[in-house]
Amino acid sequence: MAYNKYRNVKTEVDGIRFDSRAEAKRYSELKILEKAGEISRLELQPEFVCKVEGKLICKYRADFRYFTAKERVVEDVKGFKTPIYRLKKKLVEALFKGTRIVEIAK
């Protein structure tokens, strides 16, 4: 088994390699919801480029983005919230109006 610094086990589903079993499990759940028509346009690893006054501050990559009938949803599967993650989450939500990052606990 290949562990990373947070002891996650890399897992493959549908030929896609995920950083953790929890992320792979969530992907499988979202695929079922997409097939059922409850969500649409499932996207993996959407990237948000955070710039302030034209200056690149950081890039944030979420785990998933999809649409429900009411809203766009950005998800991140988290077992541990680092200080950098907390800061990037606040920055993305401030810069990209209408974006709220939903955390899925492992």
PDB file of N, CA and C in Angstrom:
ATOM      1  N   MET A   1       0.843  -1.189   0.000  1.00  0.00           N
ATOM      2  CA  MET A   1       0.000   0.000   0.000  1.00  0.00           C
ATOM      3  C   MET A   1       0.879   1.241   0.000  1.00  0.00           C
ATOM      4  N   ALA A   2       0.438   2.231  -0.773  1.00  0.00           N
ATOM      5  CA  ALA A   2       1.185   3.488  -0.831  1.00  0.00           C
ATOM      6  C   ALA A   2       0.512   4.522   0.068  1.00  0.00           C
ATOM      7  N   TYR A   3       1.214   4.909   1.127  1.00  0.00           N
ATOM      8  CA  TYR A   3       0.688   5.910   2.050  1.00  0.00           C
ATOM      9  C   TYR A   3       1.308   7.264   1.744  1.00  0.00           C
ATOM     10  N   ASN A   4       0.547   8.330   1.977  1.00  0.00           N
ATOM     11  CA  ASN A   4       1.131   9.658   1.887  1.00  0.00           C
ATOM     12  C   ASN A   4       1.295  10.194   3.306  1.00  0.00           C
ATOM     13  N   LYS A   5       1.646  11.463   3.428  1.00  0.00           N
ATOM     14  CA  LYS A   5       1.968  12.004   4.754  1.00  0.00           C
ATOM     15  C   LYS A   5       0.803  11.980   5.738  1.00  0.00           C
ATOM     16  N   TYR A   6      -0.449  11.891   5.247  1.00  0.00           N
ATOM     17  CA  TYR A   6      -1.603  11.830   6.143  1.00  0.00           C
ATOM     18  C   TYR A   6      -2.125  10.406   6.290  1.00  0.00           C
ATOM     19  N   ARG A   7      -1.337   9.439   5.846  1.00  0.00           N
ATOM     20  CA  ARG A   7      -1.651   8.011   5.953  1.00  0.00           C
ATOM     21  C   ARG A   7      -2.832   7.597   5.091  1.00  0.00           C
ATOM     22  N   ASN A   8      -3.109   8.358   4.042  1.00  0.00           N
ATOM     23  CA  ASN A   8      -4.156   7.977   3.099  1.00  0.00           C
ATOM     24  C   ASN A   8      -3.637   6.891   2.178  1.00  0.00           C
ATOM     25  N   VAL A   9      -4.533   6.036   1.736  1.00  0.00           N
ATOM     26  CA  VAL A   9      -4.178   4.983   0.795  1.00  0.00           C
ATOM     27  C   VAL A   9      -4.707   5.381  -0.574  1.00  0.00           C
ATOM     28  N   LYS A  10      -3.795   5.508  -1.545  1.00  0.00           N
ATOM     29  CA  LYS A  10      -4.217   5.837  -2.898  1.00  0.00           C
ATOM     30  C   LYS A  10      -5.089   4.703  -3.417  1.00  0.00           C
ATOM     31  N   THR A  11      -6.205   5.071  -4.057  1.00  0.00           N
ATOM     32  CA  THR A  11      -7.211   4.103  -4.484  1.00  0.00           C
ATOM     33  C   THR A  11      -7.658   4.431  -5.900  1.00  0.00           C
ATOM     34  N   GLU A  12      -7.873   3.407  -6.712  1.00  0.00           N
ATOM     35  CA  GLU A  12      -8.282   3.608  -8.096  1.00  0.00           C
ATOM     36  C   GLU A  12      -9.723   3.145  -8.310  1.00  0.00           C
ATOM     37  N   VAL A  13     -10.503   3.994  -9.005  1.00  0.00           N
ATOM     38  CA  VAL A  13     -11.878   3.677  -9.378  1.00  0.00           C
ATOM     39  C   VAL A  13     -12.077   4.185 -10.807  1.00  0.00           C
ATOM     40  N   ASP A  14     -12.640   3.351 -11.675  1.00  0.00           N
ATOM     41  CA  ASP A  14     -12.889   3.729 -13.073  1.00  0.00           C
ATOM     42  C   ASP A  14     -11.621   4.220 -13.775  1.00  0.00           C
ATOM     43  N   GLY A  15     -10.482   3.665 -13.384  1.00  0.00           N
ATOM     44  CA  GLY A  15      -9.223   4.068 -13.997  1.00  0.00           C
ATOM     45  C   GLY A  15      -8.693   5.406 -13.509  1.00  0.00           C
ATOM     46  N   ILE A  16      -9.339   5.978 -12.496  1.00  0.00           N
ATOM     47  CA  ILE A  16      -8.935   7.266 -11.929  1.00  0.00           C
ATOM     48  C   ILE A  16      -8.287   6.994 -10.585  1.00  0.00           C
ATOM     49  N   ARG A  17      -7.120   7.565 -10.362  1.00  0.00           N
ATOM     50  CA  ARG A  17      -6.403   7.362  -9.096  1.00  0.00           C
ATOM     51  C   ARG A  17      -6.723   8.499  -8.130  1.00  0.00           C
ATOM     52  N   PHE A  18      -7.243   8.139  -6.971  1.00  0.00           N
ATOM     53  CA  PHE A  18      -7.610   9.105  -5.940  1.00  0.00           C
ATOM     54  C   PHE A  18      -6.597   9.070  -4.813  1.00  0.00           C
ATOM     55  N   ASP A  19      -6.458  10.181  -4.102  1.00  0.00           N
ATOM     56  CA  ASP A  19      -5.482  10.297  -3.016  1.00  0.00           C
ATOM     57  C   ASP A  19      -5.872   9.507  -1.775  1.00  0.00           C
ATOM     58  N   SER A  20      -7.155   9.130  -1.656  1.00  0.00           N
ATOM     59  CA  SER A  20      -7.583   8.392  -0.466  1.00  0.00           C
ATOM     60  C   SER A  20      -8.775   7.504  -0.796  1.00  0.00           C
ATOM     61  N   ARG A  21      -8.999   6.524   0.073  1.00  0.00           N
ATOM     62  CA  ARG A  21     -10.180   5.661  -0.077  1.00  0.00           C
ATOM     63  C   ARG A  21     -11.463   6.478   0.062  1.00  0.00           C
ATOM     64  N   ALA A  22     -11.438   7.448   0.990  1.00  0.00           N
ATOM     65  CA  ALA A  22     -12.629   8.273   1.224  1.00  0.00           C
ATOM     66  C   ALA A  22     -12.988   9.082  -0.019  1.00  0.00           C
ATOM     67  N   GLU A  23     -11.983   9.625  -0.692  1.00  0.00           N
ATOM     68  CA  GLU A  23     -12.239  10.400  -1.907  1.00  0.00           C
ATOM     69  C   GLU A  23     -12.780   9.483  -3.013  1.00  0.00           C
ATOM     70  N   ALA A  24     -12.219   8.291  -3.134  1.00  0.00           N
ATOM     71  CA  ALA A  24     -12.695   7.327  -4.135  1.00  0.00           C
ATOM     72  C   ALA A  24     -14.137   6.912  -3.842  1.00  0.00           C
ATOM     73  N   LYS A  25     -14.438   6.706  -2.564  1.00  0.00           N
ATOM     74  CA  LYS A  25     -15.807   6.340  -2.165  1.00  0.00           C
ATOM     75  C   LYS A  25     -16.782   7.463  -2.503  1.00  0.00           C
ATOM     76  N   ARG A  26     -16.384   8.695  -2.226  1.00  0.00           N
ATOM     77  CA  ARG A  26     -17.262   9.832  -2.525  1.00  0.00           C
ATOM     78  C   ARG A  26     -17.486   9.958  -4.023  1.00  0.00           C
ATOM     79  N   TYR A  27     -16.453   9.716  -4.805  1.00  0.00           N
ATOM     80  CA  TYR A  27     -16.594   9.743  -6.267  1.00  0.00           C
ATOM     81  C   TYR A  27     -17.635   8.719  -6.715  1.00  0.00           C
ATOM     82  N   SER A  28     -17.564   7.517  -6.158  1.00  0.00           N
ATOM     83  CA  SER A  28     -18.534   6.471  -6.524  1.00  0.00           C
ATOM     84  C   SER A  28     -19.952   6.889  -6.163  1.00  0.00           C
ATOM     85  N   GLU A  29     -20.115   7.525  -5.008  1.00  0.00           N
ATOM     86  CA  GLU A  29     -21.441   8.017  -4.596  1.00  0.00           C
ATOM     87  C   GLU A  29     -21.947   9.095  -5.559  1.00  0.00           C
ATOM     88  N   LEU A  30     -21.058  10.012  -5.931  1.00  0.00           N
ATOM     89  CA  LEU A  30     -21.457  11.091  -6.839  1.00  0.00           C
ATOM     90  C   LEU A  30     -21.807  10.558  -8.231  1.00  0.00           C
ATOM     91  N   LYS A  31     -21.101   9.525  -8.691  1.00  0.00           N
ATOM     92  CA  LYS A  31     -21.421   8.922  -9.990  1.00  0.00           C
ATOM     93  C   LYS A  31     -22.829   8.323  -9.970  1.00  0.00           C
ATOM     94  N   ILE A  32     -23.211   7.714  -8.853  1.00  0.00           N
ATOM     95  CA  ILE A  32     -24.563   7.159  -8.724  1.00  0.00           C
ATOM     96  C   ILE A  32     -25.594   8.286  -8.780  1.00  0.00           C
ATOM     97  N   LEU A  33     -25.319   9.376  -8.051  1.00  0.00           N
ATOM     98  CA  LEU A  33     -26.240  10.527  -8.071  1.00  0.00           C
ATOM     99  C   LEU A  33     -26.346  11.129  -9.468  1.00  0.00           C
ATOM    100  N   GLU A  34     -25.246  11.140 -10.192  1.00  0.00           N
ATOM    101  CA  GLU A  34     -25.266  11.685 -11.557  1.00  0.00           C
ATOM    102  C   GLU A  34     -26.102  10.787 -12.480  1.00  0.00           C
ATOM    103  N   LYS A  35     -25.930   9.483 -12.365  1.00  0.00           N
ATOM    104  CA  LYS A  35     -26.719   8.544 -13.184  1.00  0.00           C
ATOM    105  C   LYS A  35     -28.198   8.640 -12.859  1.00  0.00           C
ATOM    106  N   ALA A  36     -28.515   8.945 -11.592  1.00  0.00           N
ATOM    107  CA  ALA A  36     -29.920   9.077 -11.173  1.00  0.00           C
ATOM    108  C   ALA A  36     -30.503  10.431 -11.570  1.00  0.00           C
ATOM    109  N   GLY A  37     -29.675  11.329 -12.082  1.00  0.00           N
ATOM    110  CA  GLY A  37     -30.154  12.640 -12.505  1.00  0.00           C
ATOM    111  C   GLY A  37     -30.266  13.659 -11.385  1.00  0.00           C
ATOM    112  N   GLU A  38     -29.745  13.327 -10.202  1.00  0.00           N
ATOM    113  CA  GLU A  38     -29.832  14.254  -9.066  1.00  0.00           C
ATOM    114  C   GLU A  38     -28.759  15.336  -9.116  1.00  0.00           C
ATOM    115  N   ILE A  39     -27.629  15.029  -9.774  1.00  0.00           N
ATOM    116  CA  ILE A  39     -26.595  16.035 -10.012  1.00  0.00           C
ATOM    117  C   ILE A  39     -26.180  15.948 -11.471  1.00  0.00           C
ATOM    118  N   SER A  40     -25.480  16.981 -11.948  1.00  0.00           N
ATOM    119  CA  SER A  40     -24.997  16.964 -13.329  1.00  0.00           C
ATOM    120  C   SER A  40     -23.619  17.602 -13.402  1.00  0.00           C
ATOM    121  N   ARG A  41     -22.955  17.353 -14.518  1.00  0.00           N
ATOM    122  CA  ARG A  41     -21.659  17.971 -14.827  1.00  0.00           C
ATOM    123  C   ARG A  41     -20.617  17.762 -13.727  1.00  0.00           C
ATOM    124  N   LEU A  42     -20.513  16.522 -13.274  1.00  0.00           N
ATOM    125  CA  LEU A  42     -19.522  16.178 -12.263  1.00  0.00           C
ATOM    126  C   LEU A  42     -18.122  16.406 -12.826  1.00  0.00           C
ATOM    127  N   GLU A  43     -17.331  17.146 -12.081  1.00  0.00           N
ATOM    128  CA  GLU A  43     -15.970  17.483 -12.491  1.00  0.00           C
ATOM    129  C   GLU A  43     -15.015  17.110 -11.365  1.00  0.00           C
ATOM    130  N   LEU A  44     -13.898  16.517 -11.719  1.00  0.00           N
ATOM    131  CA  LEU A  44     -12.885  16.144 -10.743  1.00  0.00           C
ATOM    132  C   LEU A  44     -11.760  17.168 -10.738  1.00  0.00           C
ATOM    133  N   GLN A  45     -11.277  17.490  -9.564  1.00  0.00           N
ATOM    134  CA  GLN A  45     -10.127  18.358  -9.368  1.00  0.00           C
ATOM    135  C   GLN A  45     -10.262  19.739 -10.033  1.00  0.00           C
ATOM    136  N   PRO A  46     -11.403  20.422  -9.846  1.00  0.00           N
ATOM    137  CA  PRO A  46     -11.521  21.774 -10.419  1.00  0.00           C
ATOM    138  C   PRO A  46     -10.525  22.712  -9.736  1.00  0.00           C
ATOM    139  N   GLU A  47      -9.922  23.578 -10.524  1.00  0.00           N
ATOM    140  CA  GLU A  47      -8.903  24.477  -9.987  1.00  0.00           C
ATOM    141  C   GLU A  47      -9.417  25.907  -9.939  1.00  0.00           C
ATOM    142  N   PHE A  48      -9.106  26.580  -8.856  1.00  0.00           N
ATOM    143  CA  PHE A  48      -9.453  27.981  -8.672  1.00  0.00           C
ATOM    144  C   PHE A  48      -8.151  28.765  -8.575  1.00  0.00           C
ATOM    145  N   VAL A  49      -7.973  29.735  -9.476  1.00  0.00           N
ATOM    146  CA  VAL A  49      -6.779  30.576  -9.470  1.00  0.00           C
ATOM    147  C   VAL A  49      -7.130  31.841  -8.694  1.00  0.00           C
ATOM    148  N   CYS A  50      -6.474  32.033  -7.581  1.00  0.00           N
ATOM    149  CA  CYS A  50      -6.780  33.155  -6.686  1.00  0.00           C
ATOM    150  C   CYS A  50      -5.814  34.304  -6.951  1.00  0.00           C
ATOM    151  N   LYS A  51      -6.362  35.388  -7.489  1.00  0.00           N
ATOM    152  CA  LYS A  51      -5.569  36.585  -7.772  1.00  0.00           C
ATOM    153  C   LYS A  51      -6.177  37.770  -7.039  1.00  0.00           C
ATOM    154  N   VAL A  52      -5.321  38.636  -6.545  1.00  0.00           N
ATOM    155  CA  VAL A  52      -5.759  39.876  -5.918  1.00  0.00           C
ATOM    156  C   VAL A  52      -5.020  41.003  -6.620  1.00  0.00           C
ATOM    157  N   GLU A  53      -5.784  41.927  -7.193  1.00  0.00           N
ATOM    158  CA  GLU A  53      -5.227  43.047  -7.953  1.00  0.00           C
ATOM    159  C   GLU A  53      -4.239  42.565  -9.009  1.00  0.00           C
ATOM    160  N   GLY A  54      -4.600  41.467  -9.692  1.00  0.00           N
ATOM    161  CA  GLY A  54      -3.783  40.929 -10.764  1.00  0.00           C
ATOM    162  C   GLY A  54      -2.608  40.084 -10.324  1.00  0.00           C
ATOM    163  N   LYS A  55      -2.375  39.976  -9.041  1.00  0.00           N
ATOM    164  CA  LYS A  55      -1.237  39.204  -8.533  1.00  0.00           C
ATOM    165  C   LYS A  55      -1.694  37.818  -8.081  1.00  0.00           C
ATOM    166  N   LEU A  56      -1.006  36.794  -8.586  1.00  0.00           N
ATOM    167  CA  LEU A  56      -1.330  35.431  -8.204  1.00  0.00           C
ATOM    168  C   LEU A  56      -0.975  35.202  -6.741  1.00  0.00           C
ATOM    169  N   ILE A  57      -1.980  34.820  -5.955  1.00  0.00           N
ATOM    170  CA  ILE A  57      -1.770  34.525  -4.543  1.00  0.00           C
ATOM    171  C   ILE A  57      -1.573  33.024  -4.351  1.00  0.00           C
ATOM    172  N   CYS A  58      -2.463  32.239  -4.943  1.00  0.00           N
ATOM    173  CA  CYS A  58      -2.358  30.789  -4.839  1.00  0.00           C
ATOM    174  C   CYS A  58      -3.319  30.140  -5.820  1.00  0.00           C
ATOM    175  N   LYS A  59      -3.224  28.846  -5.900  1.00  0.00           N
ATOM    176  CA  LYS A  59      -4.194  28.037  -6.640  1.00  0.00           C
ATOM    177  C   LYS A  59      -4.773  27.043  -5.646  1.00  0.00           C
ATOM    178  N   TYR A  60      -6.066  26.803  -5.775  1.00  0.00           N
ATOM    179  CA  TYR A  60      -6.741  25.844  -4.907  1.00  0.00           C
ATOM    180  C   TYR A  60      -7.396  24.798  -5.790  1.00  0.00           C
ATOM    181  N   ARG A  61      -7.165  23.551  -5.475  1.00  0.00           N
ATOM    182  CA  ARG A  61      -7.771  22.462  -6.240  1.00  0.00           C
ATOM    183  C   ARG A  61      -8.692  21.685  -5.316  1.00  0.00           C
ATOM    184  N   ALA A  62      -9.979  21.723  -5.624  1.00  0.00           N
ATOM    185  CA  ALA A  62     -10.977  20.978  -4.852  1.00  0.00           C
ATOM    186  C   ALA A  62     -11.005  19.534  -5.344  1.00  0.00           C
ATOM    187  N   ASP A  63     -11.747  18.694  -4.666  1.00  0.00           N
ATOM    188  CA  ASP A  63     -11.878  17.310  -5.117  1.00  0.00           C
ATOM    189  C   ASP A  63     -12.949  17.172  -6.200  1.00  0.00           C
ATOM    190  N   PHE A  64     -14.103  17.850  -6.008  1.00  0.00           N
ATOM    191  CA  PHE A  64     -15.215  17.710  -6.949  1.00  0.00           C
ATOM    192  C   PHE A  64     -15.962  19.020  -7.110  1.00  0.00           C
ATOM    193  N   ARG A  65     -16.607  19.155  -8.285  1.00  0.00           N
ATOM    194  CA  ARG A  65     -17.551  20.242  -8.516  1.00  0.00           C
ATOM    195  C   ARG A  65     -18.676  19.637  -9.363  1.00  0.00           C
ATOM    196  N   TYR A  66     -19.912  20.006  -9.020  1.00  0.00           N
ATOM    197  CA  TYR A  66     -21.066  19.509  -9.762  1.00  0.00           C
ATOM    198  C   TYR A  66     -22.226  20.469  -9.557  1.00  0.00           C
ATOM    199  N   PHE A  67     -23.319  20.222 -10.263  1.00  0.00           N
ATOM    200  CA  PHE A  67     -24.500  21.070 -10.174  1.00  0.00           C
ATOM    201  C   PHE A  67     -25.694  20.256  -9.710  1.00  0.00           C
ATOM    202  N   THR A  68     -26.486  20.867  -8.825  1.00  0.00           N
ATOM    203  CA  THR A  68     -27.795  20.324  -8.466  1.00  0.00           C
ATOM    204  C   THR A  68     -28.815  21.179  -9.196  1.00  0.00           C
ATOM    205  N   ALA A  69     -30.092  20.934  -8.956  1.00  0.00           N
ATOM    206  CA  ALA A  69     -31.125  21.757  -9.589  1.00  0.00           C
ATOM    207  C   ALA A  69     -31.065  23.192  -9.092  1.00  0.00           C
ATOM    208  N   LYS A  70     -30.491  23.406  -7.903  1.00  0.00           N
ATOM    209  CA  LYS A  70     -30.502  24.729  -7.280  1.00  0.00           C
ATOM    210  C   LYS A  70     -29.166  25.451  -7.291  1.00  0.00           C
ATOM    211  N   GLU A  71     -28.040  24.715  -7.299  1.00  0.00           N
ATOM    212  CA  GLU A  71     -26.760  25.397  -7.103  1.00  0.00           C
ATOM    213  C   GLU A  71     -25.574  24.626  -7.658  1.00  0.00           C
ATOM    214  N   ARG A  72     -24.447  25.337  -7.726  1.00  0.00           N
ATOM    215  CA  ARG A  72     -23.160  24.716  -8.032  1.00  0.00           C
ATOM    216  C   ARG A  72     -22.545  24.315  -6.688  1.00  0.00           C
ATOM    217  N   VAL A  73     -22.015  23.106  -6.618  1.00  0.00           N
ATOM    218  CA  VAL A  73     -21.446  22.605  -5.373  1.00  0.00           C
ATOM    219  C   VAL A  73     -19.969  22.286  -5.591  1.00  0.00           C
ATOM    220  N   VAL A  74     -19.133  22.747  -4.670  1.00  0.00           N
ATOM    221  CA  VAL A  74     -17.704  22.424  -4.655  1.00  0.00           C
ATOM    222  C   VAL A  74     -17.459  21.617  -3.390  1.00  0.00           C
ATOM    223  N   GLU A  75     -16.833  20.445  -3.558  1.00  0.00           N
ATOM    224  CA  GLU A  75     -16.610  19.565  -2.412  1.00  0.00           C
ATOM    225  C   GLU A  75     -15.135  19.257  -2.231  1.00  0.00           C
ATOM    226  N   ASP A  76     -14.779  19.088  -0.971  1.00  0.00           N
ATOM    227  CA  ASP A  76     -13.441  18.643  -0.620  1.00  0.00           C
ATOM    228  C   ASP A  76     -13.574  17.578   0.470  1.00  0.00           C
ATOM    229  N   VAL A  77     -13.014  16.409   0.239  1.00  0.00           N
ATOM    230  CA  VAL A  77     -13.030  15.324   1.220  1.00  0.00           C
ATOM    231  C   VAL A  77     -11.870  15.575   2.170  1.00  0.00           C
ATOM    232  N   LYS A  78     -12.181  15.739   3.449  1.00  0.00           N
ATOM    233  CA  LYS A  78     -11.154  16.111   4.420  1.00  0.00           C
ATOM    234  C   LYS A  78     -11.161  15.206   5.641  1.00  0.00           C
ATOM    235  N   GLY A  79      -9.978  14.803   6.027  1.00  0.00           N
ATOM    236  CA  GLY A  79      -9.800  14.111   7.292  1.00  0.00           C
ATOM    237  C   GLY A  79      -9.106  15.040   8.269  1.00  0.00           C
ATOM    238  N   PHE A  80      -8.322  15.957   7.711  1.00  0.00           N
ATOM    239  CA  PHE A  80      -7.545  16.886   8.521  1.00  0.00           C
ATOM    240  C   PHE A  80      -7.495  18.220   7.786  1.00  0.00           C
ATOM    241  N   LYS A  81      -7.831  19.294   8.472  1.00  0.00           N
ATOM    242  CA  LYS A  81      -7.834  20.642   7.872  1.00  0.00           C
ATOM    243  C   LYS A  81      -6.553  21.367   8.275  1.00  0.00           C
ATOM    244  N   THR A  82      -5.658  21.514   7.322  1.00  0.00           N
ATOM    245  CA  THR A  82      -4.416  22.222   7.602  1.00  0.00           C
ATOM    246  C   THR A  82      -4.674  23.724   7.642  1.00  0.00           C
ATOM    247  N   PRO A  83      -3.789  24.488   8.260  1.00  0.00           N
ATOM    248  CA  PRO A  83      -3.943  25.950   8.249  1.00  0.00           C
ATOM    249  C   PRO A  83      -3.947  26.524   6.828  1.00  0.00           C
ATOM    250  N   ILE A  84      -3.141  25.944   5.937  1.00  0.00           N
ATOM    251  CA  ILE A  84      -3.108  26.414   4.538  1.00  0.00           C
ATOM    252  C   ILE A  84      -4.461  26.152   3.875  1.00  0.00           C
ATOM    253  N   TYR A  85      -5.020  24.963   4.093  1.00  0.00           N
ATOM    254  CA  TYR A  85      -6.336  24.662   3.528  1.00  0.00           C
ATOM    255  C   TYR A  85      -7.385  25.657   4.027  1.00  0.00           C
ATOM    256  N   ARG A  86      -7.398  25.922   5.322  1.00  0.00           N
ATOM    257  CA  ARG A  86      -8.391  26.849   5.890  1.00  0.00           C
ATOM    258  C   ARG A  86      -8.287  28.231   5.251  1.00  0.00           C
ATOM    259  N   LEU A  87      -7.057  28.693   5.034  1.00  0.00           N
ATOM    260  CA  LEU A  87      -6.837  29.997   4.419  1.00  0.00           C
ATOM    261  C   LEU A  87      -7.290  30.001   2.956  1.00  0.00           C
ATOM    262  N   LYS A  88      -6.930  28.960   2.219  1.00  0.00           N
ATOM    263  CA  LYS A  88      -7.330  28.888   0.806  1.00  0.00           C
ATOM    264  C   LYS A  88      -8.848  28.807   0.674  1.00  0.00           C
ATOM    265  N   LYS A  89      -9.491  28.069   1.561  1.00  0.00           N
ATOM    266  CA  LYS A  89     -10.954  27.964   1.529  1.00  0.00           C
ATOM    267  C   LYS A  89     -11.588  29.345   1.695  1.00  0.00           C
ATOM    268  N   LYS A  90     -11.124  30.103   2.670  1.00  0.00           N
ATOM    269  CA  LYS A  90     -11.657  31.449   2.894  1.00  0.00           C
ATOM    270  C   LYS A  90     -11.411  32.354   1.689  1.00  0.00           C
ATOM    271  N   LEU A  91     -10.227  32.242   1.115  1.00  0.00           N
ATOM    272  CA  LEU A  91      -9.879  33.068  -0.039  1.00  0.00           C
ATOM    273  C   LEU A  91     -10.760  32.738  -1.245  1.00  0.00           C
ATOM    274  N   VAL A  92     -10.941  31.468  -1.529  1.00  0.00           N
ATOM    275  CA  VAL A  92     -11.787  31.051  -2.661  1.00  0.00           C
ATOM    276  C   VAL A  92     -13.217  31.532  -2.452  1.00  0.00           C
ATOM    277  N   GLU A  93     -13.744  31.349  -1.258  1.00  0.00           N
ATOM    278  CA  GLU A  93     -15.126  31.767  -1.000  1.00  0.00           C
ATOM    279  C   GLU A  93     -15.273  33.281  -1.077  1.00  0.00           C
ATOM    280  N   ALA A  94     -14.232  34.035  -0.752  1.00  0.00           N
ATOM    281  CA  ALA A  94     -14.288  35.496  -0.841  1.00  0.00           C
ATOM    282  C   ALA A  94     -14.143  35.983  -2.288  1.00  0.00           C
ATOM    283  N   LEU A  95     -13.273  35.350  -3.056  1.00  0.00           N
ATOM    284  CA  LEU A  95     -12.998  35.810  -4.418  1.00  0.00           C
ATOM    285  C   LEU A  95     -14.016  35.336  -5.448  1.00  0.00           C
ATOM    286  N   PHE A  96     -14.566  34.154  -5.252  1.00  0.00           N
ATOM    287  CA  PHE A  96     -15.492  33.567  -6.221  1.00  0.00           C
ATOM    288  C   PHE A  96     -16.897  33.602  -5.630  1.00  0.00           C
ATOM    289  N   LYS A  97     -17.574  34.702  -5.858  1.00  0.00           N
ATOM    290  CA  LYS A  97     -18.907  34.926  -5.278  1.00  0.00           C
ATOM    291  C   LYS A  97     -19.836  33.759  -5.606  1.00  0.00           C
ATOM    292  N   GLY A  98     -20.588  33.352  -4.627  1.00  0.00           N
ATOM    293  CA  GLY A  98     -21.524  32.248  -4.806  1.00  0.00           C
ATOM    294  C   GLY A  98     -20.883  30.879  -4.659  1.00  0.00           C
ATOM    295  N   THR A  99     -19.586  30.852  -4.372  1.00  0.00           N
ATOM    296  CA  THR A  99     -18.900  29.572  -4.190  1.00  0.00           C
ATOM    297  C   THR A  99     -18.766  29.289  -2.700  1.00  0.00           C
ATOM    298  N   ARG A 100     -19.231  28.113  -2.342  1.00  0.00           N
ATOM    299  CA  ARG A 100     -19.103  27.640  -0.966  1.00  0.00           C
ATOM    300  C   ARG A 100     -18.519  26.244  -1.038  1.00  0.00           C
ATOM    301  N   ILE A 101     -17.467  26.011  -0.296  1.00  0.00           N
ATOM    302  CA  ILE A 101     -16.817  24.722  -0.296  1.00  0.00           C
ATOM    303  C   ILE A 101     -17.443  23.850   0.794  1.00  0.00           C
ATOM    304  N   VAL A 102     -17.978  22.720   0.389  1.00  0.00           N
ATOM    305  CA  VAL A 102     -18.589  21.762   1.306  1.00  0.00           C
ATOM    306  C   VAL A 102     -17.531  20.729   1.658  1.00  0.00           C
ATOM    307  N   GLU A 103     -17.321  20.535   2.938  1.00  0.00           N
ATOM    308  CA  GLU A 103     -16.329  19.570   3.405  1.00  0.00           C
ATOM    309  C   GLU A 103     -17.018  18.249   3.733  1.00  0.00           C
ATOM    310  N   ILE A 104     -16.511  17.192   3.156  1.00  0.00           N
ATOM    311  CA  ILE A 104     -17.017  15.858   3.410  1.00  0.00           C
ATOM    312  C   ILE A 104     -16.025  15.178   4.344  1.00  0.00           C
ATOM    313  N   ALA A 105     -16.464  14.830   5.533  1.00  0.00           N
ATOM    314  CA  ALA A 105     -15.584  14.220   6.533  1.00  0.00           C
ATOM    315  C   ALA A 105     -15.285  12.778   6.155  1.00  0.00           C
ATOM    316  N   LYS A 106     -14.049  12.403   6.392  1.00  0.00           N
ATOM    317  CA  LYS A 106     -13.643  11.013   6.125  1.00  0.00           C
ATOM    318  C   LYS A 106     -14.244  10.084   7.144  1.00  0.00           C
TER     319      LYS A 106
END
